[in-house]
């Protein structure tokens, strides 16, 4: 694999083995090598979320969407963060966009269901 892919794959291994600081470094290196590497951005955002560094996760997902505005994963994960912070309008915007982009991404629907429950639109 290319170096950027190798660093991203290494980051995934670190993330799956709960070595989150090492994962962060690997994903950041992948992005340095390829500033348009969407998988590295999404995985970095997930790593920050797992580390409970939500402002950094939000910034990474927003950057991802600057590079690829129709990234369903970034939209869904950003929507989930907004939902967790009770930013319901922002969450719904992201999650609805995610569903429009990829109707097979289950977590978008899951988080929309949580949003509807939290806002009293479903019991």
Protein backbone atom coordinates (compact mmCIF):
# COMPACT_ATOMS: atom_id res chain seq x y z
CA UNK A 1 0.00 0.00 0.00
CA UNK A 2 0.94 3.63 -0.36
CA UNK A 3 2.37 5.31 2.72
CA UNK A 4 -0.85 7.24 3.46
CA UNK A 5 -2.88 4.02 3.31
CA UNK A 6 -0.35 2.21 5.46
CA UNK A 7 -0.57 4.89 8.16
CA UNK A 8 -4.37 4.83 8.02
CA UNK A 9 -4.42 1.02 8.30
CA UNK A 10 -2.00 1.22 11.22
CA UNK A 11 -4.27 3.77 12.86
CA UNK A 12 -7.24 1.44 12.50
CA UNK A 13 -5.28 -1.35 14.21
CA UNK A 14 -4.33 1.02 17.02
CA UNK A 15 -7.92 2.22 17.36
CA UNK A 16 -9.27 -1.34 17.51
CA UNK A 17 -6.74 -2.23 20.21
CA UNK A 18 -7.62 0.90 22.21
CA UNK A 19 -4.24 2.55 21.63
CA UNK A 20 -5.97 5.80 20.82
CA UNK A 21 -3.04 8.22 21.11
CA UNK A 22 -1.05 6.08 18.66
CA UNK A 23 -4.10 5.91 16.40
CA UNK A 24 -4.35 9.70 16.43
CA UNK A 25 -0.71 10.05 15.37
CA UNK A 26 -1.08 7.50 12.58
CA UNK A 27 -4.21 9.15 11.15
CA UNK A 28 -2.62 12.59 11.37
CA UNK A 29 0.42 11.27 9.48
CA UNK A 30 -1.85 9.79 6.78
CA UNK A 31 -3.55 13.18 6.40
CA UNK A 32 -0.19 14.96 6.23
CA UNK A 33 0.81 12.66 3.38
CA UNK A 34 -2.55 13.00 1.63
CA UNK A 35 -4.67 16.00 2.73
CA UNK A 36 -7.67 14.61 0.82
CA UNK A 37 -7.66 11.14 2.39
CA UNK A 38 -11.25 10.94 3.63
CA UNK A 39 -10.91 7.63 5.49
CA UNK A 40 -8.09 9.05 7.58
CA UNK A 41 -10.18 12.10 8.48
CA UNK A 42 -13.20 9.99 9.46
CA UNK A 43 -11.08 7.65 11.55
CA UNK A 44 -9.35 10.60 13.23
CA UNK A 45 -12.77 12.03 14.07
CA UNK A 46 -13.84 8.69 15.53
CA UNK A 47 -10.61 8.53 17.55
CA UNK A 48 -11.22 12.00 18.98
CA UNK A 49 -14.79 10.98 19.81
CA UNK A 50 -13.54 7.89 21.65
CA UNK A 51 -11.06 10.10 23.51
CA UNK A 52 -14.00 12.41 24.40
CA UNK A 53 -12.24 15.29 22.64
CA UNK A 54 -15.48 16.36 20.99
CA UNK A 55 -14.47 19.87 19.85
CA UNK A 56 -11.55 18.32 17.96
CA UNK A 57 -13.80 15.60 16.53
CA UNK A 58 -16.27 18.25 15.31
CA UNK A 59 -13.44 20.22 13.69
CA UNK A 60 -12.14 17.10 11.92
CA UNK A 61 -15.58 16.16 10.61
CA UNK A 62 -16.15 19.73 9.43
CA UNK A 63 -12.80 19.62 7.62
CA UNK A 64 -13.80 16.27 6.09
CA UNK A 65 -16.96 17.86 4.74
CA UNK A 66 -14.92 20.70 3.23
CA UNK A 67 -12.90 18.11 1.32
CA UNK A 68 -15.91 15.89 0.49
CA UNK A 69 -19.27 17.57 1.21
CA UNK A 70 -21.23 14.38 0.54
CA UNK A 71 -19.35 12.12 2.99
CA UNK A 72 -22.21 10.21 4.64
CA UNK A 73 -20.00 8.82 7.42
CA UNK A 74 -18.74 12.28 8.43
CA UNK A 75 -22.28 13.65 8.31
CA UNK A 76 -23.64 10.79 10.45
CA UNK A 77 -20.84 10.94 13.00
CA UNK A 78 -20.99 14.72 13.24
CA UNK A 79 -24.77 14.46 13.67
CA UNK A 80 -24.26 11.94 16.48
CA UNK A 81 -21.93 14.34 18.29
CA UNK A 82 -24.41 17.19 17.92
CA UNK A 83 -27.14 14.89 19.21
CA UNK A 84 -25.06 13.98 22.26
CA UNK A 85 -24.69 17.68 22.99
CA UNK A 86 -28.43 18.31 22.52
CA UNK A 87 -27.77 20.47 19.47
CA UNK A 88 -30.86 19.03 17.85
CA UNK A 89 -31.19 21.34 14.84
CA UNK A 90 -27.57 20.78 13.78
CA UNK A 91 -27.88 17.04 14.42
CA UNK A 92 -30.98 16.75 12.27
CA UNK A 93 -29.40 18.69 9.40
CA UNK A 94 -26.36 16.41 9.36
CA UNK A 95 -28.31 13.19 9.77
CA UNK A 96 -30.89 14.06 7.10
CA UNK A 97 -28.07 14.91 4.66
CA UNK A 98 -26.35 11.64 5.52
CA UNK A 99 -29.50 9.66 4.73
CA UNK A 100 -29.87 11.46 1.41
CA UNK A 101 -26.29 10.63 0.47
CA UNK A 102 -26.27 6.98 1.57
CA UNK A 103 -29.55 5.24 2.34
CA UNK A 104 -27.64 2.11 3.40
CA UNK A 105 -25.71 3.70 6.26
CA UNK A 106 -27.60 2.27 9.20
CA UNK A 107 -26.15 4.53 11.87
CA UNK A 108 -27.74 7.56 10.23
CA UNK A 109 -31.18 6.04 10.75
CA UNK A 110 -30.29 4.89 14.26
CA UNK A 111 -29.24 8.39 15.29
CA UNK A 112 -32.28 9.94 13.58
CA UNK A 113 -34.44 7.61 15.66
CA UNK A 114 -32.64 8.76 18.81
CA UNK A 115 -33.11 12.37 17.74
CA UNK A 116 -36.83 11.90 17.13
CA UNK A 117 -37.22 10.27 20.52
CA UNK A 118 -35.23 13.02 22.26
CA UNK A 119 -37.34 15.72 20.62
CA UNK A 120 -40.66 14.01 21.35
CA UNK A 121 -41.50 13.14 17.76
CA UNK A 122 -41.61 9.43 18.50
CA UNK A 123 -42.33 7.44 21.65
